[in-house]
Amino acid sequence: MTGAVPFSAIEAAARRIAGRVSSTPFVASRTLSEIVGADIRIKLENLQFTASFKERGAANRLLTLSPEEAGRGVIAMSAGNHAQAVAYHAQELGIAATIVMPKATPFTKVSRTRHHKARVLLEGETLAEAAAFARDLAEKENLVFVHPYDDPDVVAGQG
């Protein structure tokens, strides 16, 4: 991804994902505010179904797929939150999802991702190795790669 994501893309993403993700509140953090000497607010994205803001980006990216791309299926690499978000929203949209996770990914993250009917593959000792495997598999199986952060539609959704 090169360059900034325009604010108009973030606004479009907000409209696109409305009703698919929870509207979460900002709450004041007295402790952090006192530490930094400013009014600090925290967005409670742990209230999302998968407990992470990653749902916003995953949902937006999947909703921007063409019918042909959605029919091919998606692939992502992640050790947790992005994996669950892609798997959950793919299941909701009827899109086949493959998630590549490093071999050392905690069982609970693997289990929650599988719970959303994704094909989960444990490959590589590191996230970089899992990513390389996922990119190769995407090419071999003609899957759409959904990057956890280096994708303008993911970034716009998370914005």
N, C-alpha and C. Protein backbone atom coordinates (compact mmCIF):
# COMPACT_ATOMS: atom_id res chain seq x y z
N MET A 1 0.84 -1.17 0.00
CA MET A 1 0.00 0.00 0.00
C MET A 1 0.88 1.23 0.00
N THR A 2 0.60 2.15 -0.86
CA THR A 2 1.35 3.38 -0.88
C THR A 2 0.41 4.55 -0.68
N GLY A 3 0.87 5.54 0.04
CA GLY A 3 0.07 6.73 0.25
C GLY A 3 -0.98 6.58 1.33
N ALA A 4 -1.56 7.72 1.64
CA ALA A 4 -2.58 7.77 2.68
C ALA A 4 -3.93 7.35 2.12
N VAL A 5 -4.76 6.84 2.99
CA VAL A 5 -6.13 6.50 2.63
C VAL A 5 -6.95 7.78 2.81
N PRO A 6 -7.65 8.22 1.76
CA PRO A 6 -8.41 9.47 1.90
C PRO A 6 -9.58 9.33 2.87
N PHE A 7 -9.91 10.45 3.51
CA PHE A 7 -11.00 10.43 4.48
C PHE A 7 -12.30 9.99 3.83
N SER A 8 -12.49 10.30 2.56
CA SER A 8 -13.71 9.87 1.87
C SER A 8 -13.82 8.34 1.83
N ALA A 9 -12.68 7.64 1.76
CA ALA A 9 -12.69 6.18 1.77
C ALA A 9 -13.10 5.66 3.15
N ILE A 10 -12.68 6.35 4.19
CA ILE A 10 -13.07 5.96 5.55
C ILE A 10 -14.56 6.19 5.75
N GLU A 11 -15.08 7.30 5.24
CA GLU A 11 -16.51 7.57 5.34
C GLU A 11 -17.32 6.52 4.57
N ALA A 12 -16.85 6.16 3.38
CA ALA A 12 -17.54 5.13 2.58
C ALA A 12 -17.51 3.79 3.30
N ALA A 13 -16.37 3.48 3.92
CA ALA A 13 -16.26 2.22 4.67
C ALA A 13 -17.23 2.21 5.84
N ALA A 14 -17.36 3.32 6.53
CA ALA A 14 -18.28 3.40 7.67
C ALA A 14 -19.71 3.11 7.22
N ARG A 15 -20.09 3.66 6.08
CA ARG A 15 -21.44 3.38 5.56
C ARG A 15 -21.57 1.91 5.15
N ARG A 16 -20.53 1.38 4.54
CA ARG A 16 -20.56 0.00 4.03
C ARG A 16 -20.70 -1.02 5.16
N ILE A 17 -19.99 -0.81 6.26
CA ILE A 17 -19.97 -1.80 7.33
C ILE A 17 -21.03 -1.56 8.40
N ALA A 18 -21.78 -0.46 8.27
CA ALA A 18 -22.84 -0.17 9.25
C ALA A 18 -23.79 -1.36 9.33
N GLY A 19 -24.07 -1.77 10.54
CA GLY A 19 -24.96 -2.90 10.75
C GLY A 19 -24.25 -4.25 10.75
N ARG A 20 -22.99 -4.27 10.33
CA ARG A 20 -22.22 -5.52 10.33
C ARG A 20 -21.23 -5.57 11.50
N VAL A 21 -20.94 -4.42 12.06
CA VAL A 21 -20.06 -4.33 13.23
C VAL A 21 -20.79 -3.53 14.30
N SER A 22 -20.38 -3.69 15.52
CA SER A 22 -21.00 -2.96 16.62
C SER A 22 -20.54 -1.52 16.65
N SER A 23 -21.43 -0.64 17.05
CA SER A 23 -21.07 0.74 17.31
C SER A 23 -20.57 0.77 18.74
N THR A 24 -19.30 1.05 18.92
CA THR A 24 -18.69 0.95 20.25
C THR A 24 -18.41 2.34 20.82
N PRO A 25 -18.54 2.48 22.13
CA PRO A 25 -18.37 3.80 22.75
C PRO A 25 -16.90 4.16 23.01
N PHE A 26 -16.70 5.47 23.18
CA PHE A 26 -15.45 5.99 23.71
C PHE A 26 -15.70 6.24 25.19
N VAL A 27 -14.77 5.85 26.02
CA VAL A 27 -14.90 6.13 27.45
C VAL A 27 -13.64 6.84 27.93
N ALA A 28 -13.83 7.70 28.91
CA ALA A 28 -12.69 8.42 29.47
C ALA A 28 -11.84 7.46 30.29
N SER A 29 -10.54 7.61 30.17
CA SER A 29 -9.60 6.85 31.00
C SER A 29 -8.94 7.82 31.97
N ARG A 30 -9.39 7.80 33.21
CA ARG A 30 -8.81 8.70 34.22
C ARG A 30 -7.33 8.43 34.41
N THR A 31 -6.98 7.14 34.47
CA THR A 31 -5.58 6.79 34.72
C THR A 31 -4.67 7.31 33.61
N LEU A 32 -4.99 6.98 32.35
CA LEU A 32 -4.14 7.45 31.25
C LEU A 32 -4.17 8.96 31.14
N SER A 33 -5.31 9.58 31.38
CA SER A 33 -5.40 11.03 31.33
C SER A 33 -4.47 11.67 32.36
N GLU A 34 -4.45 11.11 33.56
CA GLU A 34 -3.57 11.63 34.60
C GLU A 34 -2.10 11.44 34.23
N ILE A 35 -1.77 10.29 33.66
CA ILE A 35 -0.37 9.99 33.30
C ILE A 35 0.15 10.97 32.26
N VAL A 36 -0.63 11.26 31.23
CA VAL A 36 -0.14 12.10 30.13
C VAL A 36 -0.59 13.55 30.23
N GLY A 37 -1.45 13.87 31.20
CA GLY A 37 -1.89 15.24 31.37
C GLY A 37 -2.81 15.73 30.25
N ALA A 38 -3.63 14.83 29.73
CA ALA A 38 -4.57 15.18 28.67
C ALA A 38 -5.82 14.32 28.84
N ASP A 39 -6.89 14.72 28.16
CA ASP A 39 -8.13 13.95 28.21
C ASP A 39 -8.00 12.78 27.25
N ILE A 40 -7.83 11.58 27.78
CA ILE A 40 -7.65 10.38 26.97
C ILE A 40 -8.95 9.58 26.98
N ARG A 41 -9.38 9.23 25.78
CA ARG A 41 -10.57 8.41 25.60
C ARG A 41 -10.16 7.10 24.94
N ILE A 42 -10.81 6.02 25.33
CA ILE A 42 -10.51 4.70 24.79
C ILE A 42 -11.75 4.18 24.07
N LYS A 43 -11.56 3.68 22.86
CA LYS A 43 -12.66 3.11 22.08
C LYS A 43 -12.77 1.64 22.46
N LEU A 44 -13.92 1.21 22.90
CA LEU A 44 -14.11 -0.15 23.41
C LEU A 44 -14.39 -1.15 22.29
N GLU A 45 -13.39 -1.38 21.47
CA GLU A 45 -13.53 -2.32 20.37
C GLU A 45 -13.56 -3.77 20.85
N ASN A 46 -13.25 -3.99 22.11
CA ASN A 46 -13.39 -5.33 22.67
C ASN A 46 -14.86 -5.76 22.73
N LEU A 47 -15.77 -4.84 22.45
CA LEU A 47 -17.20 -5.17 22.41
C LEU A 47 -17.64 -5.71 21.06
N GLN A 48 -16.74 -5.73 20.07
CA GLN A 48 -17.05 -6.36 18.79
C GLN A 48 -17.26 -7.86 19.02
N PHE A 49 -17.93 -8.52 18.12
CA PHE A 49 -18.19 -9.95 18.28
C PHE A 49 -16.90 -10.74 18.45
N THR A 50 -15.86 -10.39 17.69
CA THR A 50 -14.59 -11.10 17.82
C THR A 50 -13.63 -10.37 18.78
N ALA A 51 -14.11 -9.34 19.45
CA ALA A 51 -13.37 -8.59 20.47
C ALA A 51 -12.20 -7.77 19.92
N SER A 52 -12.31 -7.32 18.68
CA SER A 52 -11.21 -6.56 18.11
C SER A 52 -11.68 -5.61 17.02
N PHE A 53 -10.98 -4.46 16.91
CA PHE A 53 -11.25 -3.50 15.84
C PHE A 53 -10.96 -4.10 14.47
N LYS A 54 -10.25 -5.20 14.41
CA LYS A 54 -9.91 -5.82 13.12
C LYS A 54 -11.15 -6.20 12.33
N GLU A 55 -12.28 -6.37 13.01
CA GLU A 55 -13.52 -6.68 12.31
C GLU A 55 -13.88 -5.60 11.29
N ARG A 56 -13.63 -4.35 11.63
CA ARG A 56 -14.00 -3.24 10.75
C ARG A 56 -13.29 -3.34 9.41
N GLY A 57 -11.99 -3.56 9.46
CA GLY A 57 -11.22 -3.65 8.22
C GLY A 57 -11.55 -4.89 7.42
N ALA A 58 -11.71 -6.01 8.10
CA ALA A 58 -12.03 -7.26 7.41
C ALA A 58 -13.39 -7.16 6.73
N ALA A 59 -14.38 -6.65 7.44
CA ALA A 59 -15.72 -6.53 6.86
C ALA A 59 -15.69 -5.61 5.65
N ASN A 60 -15.01 -4.48 5.77
CA ASN A 60 -14.96 -3.55 4.64
C ASN A 60 -14.29 -4.18 3.43
N ARG A 61 -13.17 -4.84 3.64
CA ARG A 61 -12.47 -5.46 2.51
C ARG A 61 -13.33 -6.52 1.83
N LEU A 62 -13.96 -7.35 2.62
CA LEU A 62 -14.79 -8.41 2.04
C LEU A 62 -16.00 -7.84 1.30
N LEU A 63 -16.53 -6.74 1.79
CA LEU A 63 -17.68 -6.12 1.13
C LEU A 63 -17.29 -5.40 -0.16
N THR A 64 -16.00 -5.19 -0.38
CA THR A 64 -15.55 -4.54 -1.62
C THR A 64 -15.19 -5.56 -2.70
N LEU A 65 -15.26 -6.84 -2.37
CA LEU A 65 -14.95 -7.87 -3.37
C LEU A 65 -16.00 -7.87 -4.47
N SER A 66 -15.56 -8.10 -5.68
CA SER A 66 -16.51 -8.29 -6.77
C SER A 66 -17.16 -9.66 -6.59
N PRO A 67 -18.29 -9.91 -7.22
CA PRO A 67 -18.91 -11.24 -7.12
C PRO A 67 -17.95 -12.34 -7.57
N GLU A 68 -17.15 -12.07 -8.58
CA GLU A 68 -16.18 -13.06 -9.07
C GLU A 68 -15.13 -13.34 -8.00
N GLU A 69 -14.61 -12.29 -7.37
CA GLU A 69 -13.60 -12.47 -6.31
C GLU A 69 -14.19 -13.22 -5.12
N ALA A 70 -15.39 -12.84 -4.71
CA ALA A 70 -16.04 -13.52 -3.58
C ALA A 70 -16.23 -14.99 -3.89
N GLY A 71 -16.55 -15.31 -5.12
CA GLY A 71 -16.73 -16.70 -5.52
C GLY A 71 -15.45 -17.51 -5.48
N ARG A 72 -14.32 -16.85 -5.68
CA ARG A 72 -13.03 -17.54 -5.61
C ARG A 72 -12.63 -17.84 -4.18
N GLY A 73 -13.03 -17.00 -3.25
CA GLY A 73 -12.65 -17.16 -1.85
C GLY A 73 -11.48 -16.28 -1.49
N VAL A 74 -11.24 -16.18 -0.19
CA VAL A 74 -10.19 -15.31 0.32
C VAL A 74 -9.20 -16.11 1.15
N ILE A 75 -8.03 -15.51 1.33
CA ILE A 75 -7.00 -16.08 2.19
C ILE A 75 -6.37 -14.94 2.98
N ALA A 76 -6.04 -15.22 4.22
CA ALA A 76 -5.37 -14.23 5.07
C ALA A 76 -4.34 -14.94 5.92
N MET A 77 -3.41 -14.16 6.41
CA MET A 77 -2.44 -14.69 7.37
C MET A 77 -2.54 -13.83 8.61
N SER A 78 -2.51 -14.51 9.74
CA SER A 78 -2.64 -13.80 11.01
C SER A 78 -2.42 -14.78 12.15
N ALA A 79 -1.99 -14.25 13.27
CA ALA A 79 -1.86 -15.07 14.47
C ALA A 79 -3.04 -14.87 15.41
N GLY A 80 -4.09 -14.17 14.95
CA GLY A 80 -5.21 -14.03 15.86
C GLY A 80 -6.36 -13.15 15.44
N ASN A 81 -6.31 -11.86 15.74
CA ASN A 81 -7.47 -11.00 15.58
C ASN A 81 -7.92 -10.84 14.13
N HIS A 82 -7.00 -10.61 13.22
CA HIS A 82 -7.36 -10.50 11.80
C HIS A 82 -7.90 -11.83 11.30
N ALA A 83 -7.31 -12.92 11.74
CA ALA A 83 -7.77 -14.25 11.34
C ALA A 83 -9.23 -14.44 11.72
N GLN A 84 -9.56 -14.15 12.95
CA GLN A 84 -10.93 -14.32 13.42
C GLN A 84 -11.89 -13.37 12.71
N ALA A 85 -11.46 -12.15 12.47
CA ALA A 85 -12.32 -11.17 11.81
C ALA A 85 -12.63 -11.57 10.37
N VAL A 86 -11.60 -12.00 9.63
CA VAL A 86 -11.83 -12.44 8.25
C VAL A 86 -12.71 -13.68 8.23
N ALA A 87 -12.41 -14.63 9.09
CA ALA A 87 -13.20 -15.87 9.13
C ALA A 87 -14.66 -15.57 9.47
N TYR A 88 -14.90 -14.74 10.46
CA TYR A 88 -16.26 -14.42 10.89
C TYR A 88 -17.05 -13.72 9.78
N HIS A 89 -16.47 -12.67 9.22
CA HIS A 89 -17.22 -11.92 8.20
C HIS A 89 -17.33 -12.69 6.89
N ALA A 90 -16.34 -13.50 6.57
CA ALA A 90 -16.46 -14.36 5.38
C ALA A 90 -17.62 -15.33 5.57
N GLN A 91 -17.71 -15.93 6.74
CA GLN A 91 -18.82 -16.85 7.02
C GLN A 91 -20.16 -16.12 6.90
N GLU A 92 -20.25 -14.92 7.46
CA GLU A 92 -21.48 -14.14 7.40
C GLU A 92 -21.89 -13.81 5.97
N LEU A 93 -20.89 -13.62 5.10
CA LEU A 93 -21.14 -13.23 3.71
C LEU A 93 -21.17 -14.42 2.75
N GLY A 94 -20.95 -15.63 3.27
CA GLY A 94 -20.96 -16.82 2.41
C GLY A 94 -19.73 -16.93 1.51
N ILE A 95 -18.61 -16.43 1.99
CA ILE A 95 -17.36 -16.46 1.23
C ILE A 95 -16.44 -17.50 1.88
N ALA A 96 -15.88 -18.39 1.09
CA ALA A 96 -14.93 -19.37 1.61
C ALA A 96 -13.66 -18.66 2.06
N ALA A 97 -13.19 -19.01 3.25
CA ALA A 97 -11.99 -18.36 3.80
C ALA A 97 -10.95 -19.40 4.21
N THR A 98 -9.73 -19.11 3.83
CA THR A 98 -8.57 -19.87 4.29
C THR A 98 -7.73 -18.94 5.13
N ILE A 99 -7.33 -19.39 6.29
CA ILE A 99 -6.50 -18.57 7.18
C ILE A 99 -5.23 -19.35 7.47
N VAL A 100 -4.09 -18.71 7.22
CA VAL A 100 -2.80 -19.31 7.51
C VAL A 100 -2.27 -18.67 8.79
N MET A 101 -1.95 -19.52 9.76
CA MET A 101 -1.46 -19.06 11.05
C MET A 101 -0.13 -19.74 11.34
N PRO A 102 0.79 -19.04 12.01
CA PRO A 102 2.04 -19.70 12.39
C PRO A 102 1.78 -20.90 13.30
N LYS A 103 2.66 -21.87 13.24
CA LYS A 103 2.49 -23.10 14.02
C LYS A 103 2.34 -22.86 15.51
N ALA A 104 2.95 -21.81 16.03
CA ALA A 104 2.92 -21.55 17.48
C ALA A 104 1.73 -20.70 17.91
N THR A 105 0.77 -20.47 17.03
CA THR A 105 -0.41 -19.68 17.39
C THR A 105 -1.14 -20.35 18.55
N PRO A 106 -1.54 -19.57 19.56
CA PRO A 106 -2.26 -20.16 20.69
C PRO A 106 -3.51 -20.92 20.24
N PHE A 107 -3.76 -22.04 20.89
CA PHE A 107 -4.88 -22.90 20.54
C PHE A 107 -6.20 -22.14 20.51
N THR A 108 -6.40 -21.25 21.47
CA THR A 108 -7.67 -20.54 21.53
C THR A 108 -7.91 -19.70 20.27
N LYS A 109 -6.85 -19.09 19.72
CA LYS A 109 -6.99 -18.30 18.50
C LYS A 109 -7.31 -19.21 17.31
N VAL A 110 -6.65 -20.34 17.25
CA VAL A 110 -6.91 -21.31 16.17
C VAL A 110 -8.34 -21.82 16.28
N SER A 111 -8.74 -22.18 17.48
CA SER A 111 -10.08 -22.73 17.71
C SER A 111 -11.17 -21.72 17.35
N ARG A 112 -11.02 -20.47 17.77
CA ARG A 112 -12.02 -19.45 17.47
C ARG A 112 -12.10 -19.18 15.97
N THR A 113 -10.98 -19.26 15.28
CA THR A 113 -10.97 -19.05 13.83
C THR A 113 -11.67 -20.21 13.14
N ARG A 114 -11.38 -21.42 13.55
CA ARG A 114 -12.06 -22.59 12.98
C ARG A 114 -13.55 -22.57 13.27
N HIS A 115 -13.93 -22.03 14.41
CA HIS A 115 -15.33 -21.94 14.79
C HIS A 115 -16.15 -21.20 13.73
N HIS A 116 -15.52 -20.29 13.03
CA HIS A 116 -16.19 -19.51 11.99
C HIS A 116 -16.09 -20.18 10.62
N LYS A 117 -15.81 -21.46 10.62
CA LYS A 117 -15.83 -22.31 9.42
C LYS A 117 -14.73 -22.01 8.41
N ALA A 118 -13.68 -21.36 8.86
CA ALA A 118 -12.55 -21.13 7.96
C ALA A 118 -11.69 -22.38 7.89
N ARG A 119 -11.05 -22.56 6.75
CA ARG A 119 -10.01 -23.60 6.62
C ARG A 119 -8.76 -22.98 7.24
N VAL A 120 -8.28 -23.55 8.32
CA VAL A 120 -7.12 -23.02 9.04
C VAL A 120 -5.93 -23.92 8.77
N LEU A 121 -4.85 -23.30 8.31
CA LEU A 121 -3.60 -24.01 8.05
C LEU A 121 -2.52 -23.45 8.95
N LEU A 122 -1.85 -24.31 9.69
CA LEU A 122 -0.75 -23.90 10.55
C LEU A 122 0.54 -24.13 9.79
N GLU A 123 1.16 -23.03 9.37
CA GLU A 123 2.36 -23.11 8.54
C GLU A 123 3.37 -22.06 8.97
N GLY A 124 4.61 -22.46 9.07
CA GLY A 124 5.69 -21.53 9.36
C GLY A 124 5.93 -21.34 10.84
N GLU A 125 7.15 -20.99 11.13
CA GLU A 125 7.53 -20.73 12.52
C GLU A 125 7.25 -19.28 12.91
N THR A 126 7.18 -18.40 11.92
CA THR A 126 6.96 -16.98 12.15
C THR A 126 5.79 -16.48 11.32
N LEU A 127 5.33 -15.29 11.63
CA LEU A 127 4.26 -14.68 10.85
C LEU A 127 4.73 -14.43 9.41
N ALA A 128 5.99 -14.06 9.26
CA ALA A 128 6.53 -13.84 7.91
C ALA A 128 6.51 -15.12 7.09
N GLU A 129 6.84 -16.24 7.70
CA GLU A 129 6.79 -17.52 6.99
C GLU A 129 5.35 -17.90 6.66
N ALA A 130 4.43 -17.64 7.58
CA ALA A 130 3.01 -17.91 7.31
C ALA A 130 2.52 -17.03 6.17
N ALA A 131 2.96 -15.79 6.15
CA ALA A 131 2.56 -14.86 5.07
C ALA A 131 3.07 -15.33 3.72
N ALA A 132 4.30 -15.78 3.67
CA ALA A 132 4.86 -16.27 2.40
C ALA A 132 4.08 -17.50 1.92
N PHE A 133 3.77 -18.39 2.84
CA PHE A 133 2.97 -19.57 2.48
C PHE A 133 1.60 -19.14 1.96
N ALA A 134 0.96 -18.19 2.65
CA ALA A 134 -0.37 -17.72 2.25
C ALA A 134 -0.34 -17.09 0.86
N ARG A 135 0.68 -16.30 0.59
CA ARG A 135 0.78 -15.67 -0.74
C ARG A 135 0.95 -16.74 -1.83
N ASP A 136 1.78 -17.74 -1.57
CA ASP A 136 1.96 -18.82 -2.55
C ASP A 136 0.65 -19.58 -2.77
N LEU A 137 -0.05 -19.88 -1.69
CA LEU A 137 -1.30 -20.61 -1.80
C LEU A 137 -2.37 -19.76 -2.52
N ALA A 138 -2.36 -18.47 -2.25
CA ALA A 138 -3.31 -17.58 -2.93
C ALA A 138 -3.12 -17.66 -4.44
N GLU A 139 -1.87 -17.67 -4.86
CA GLU A 139 -1.58 -17.76 -6.29
C GLU A 139 -1.98 -19.12 -6.85
N LYS A 140 -1.64 -20.19 -6.14
CA LYS A 140 -1.95 -21.54 -6.61
C LYS A 140 -3.45 -21.80 -6.70
N GLU A 141 -4.21 -21.28 -5.72
CA GLU A 141 -5.64 -21.57 -5.65
C GLU A 141 -6.51 -20.41 -6.14
N ASN A 142 -5.86 -19.35 -6.64
CA ASN A 142 -6.57 -18.18 -7.17
C ASN A 142 -7.48 -17.54 -6.12
N LEU A 143 -6.96 -17.40 -4.90
CA LEU A 143 -7.69 -16.79 -3.79
C LEU A 143 -7.33 -15.32 -3.68
N VAL A 144 -8.22 -14.52 -3.14
CA VAL A 144 -7.96 -13.10 -2.91
C VAL A 144 -7.26 -12.96 -1.56
N PHE A 145 -6.08 -12.35 -1.57
CA PHE A 145 -5.31 -12.17 -0.34
C PHE A 145 -5.85 -10.95 0.41
N VAL A 146 -6.18 -11.13 1.68
CA VAL A 146 -6.67 -10.04 2.52
C VAL A 146 -5.59 -9.76 3.58
N HIS A 147 -4.80 -8.75 3.31
CA HIS A 147 -3.68 -8.41 4.20
C HIS A 147 -4.20 -7.74 5.47
N PRO A 148 -3.59 -8.01 6.61
CA PRO A 148 -4.11 -7.46 7.87
C PRO A 148 -3.94 -5.95 8.04
N TYR A 149 -3.02 -5.34 7.29
CA TYR A 149 -2.83 -3.90 7.46
C TYR A 149 -2.35 -3.18 6.20
N ASP A 150 -1.80 -3.89 5.25
CA ASP A 150 -1.26 -3.24 4.06
C ASP A 150 -2.24 -3.34 2.89
N ASP A 151 -3.45 -2.87 3.13
CA ASP A 151 -4.53 -2.91 2.15
C ASP A 151 -5.40 -1.68 2.39
N PRO A 152 -5.59 -0.85 1.40
CA PRO A 152 -6.35 0.38 1.62
C PRO A 152 -7.79 0.15 2.08
N ASP A 153 -8.43 -0.91 1.66
CA ASP A 153 -9.79 -1.18 2.11
C ASP A 153 -9.83 -1.65 3.57
N VAL A 154 -8.81 -2.39 3.97
CA VAL A 154 -8.71 -2.79 5.38
C VAL A 154 -8.45 -1.55 6.24
N VAL A 155 -7.54 -0.72 5.80
CA VAL A 155 -7.20 0.49 6.57
C VAL A 155 -8.42 1.41 6.66
N ALA A 156 -9.13 1.59 5.55
CA ALA A 156 -10.32 2.46 5.56
C ALA A 156 -11.36 1.93 6.53
N GLY A 157 -11.56 0.63 6.54
CA GLY A 157 -12.53 0.05 7.46
C GLY A 157 -12.12 0.21 8.91
N GLN A 158 -10.84 0.06 9.18
CA GLN A 158 -10.36 0.23 10.54
C GLN A 158 -10.37 1.69 10.97
N GLY A 159 -10.34 2.58 9.98
CA GLY A 159 -10.39 4.02 10.27
C GLY A 159 -11.74 4.43 10.79
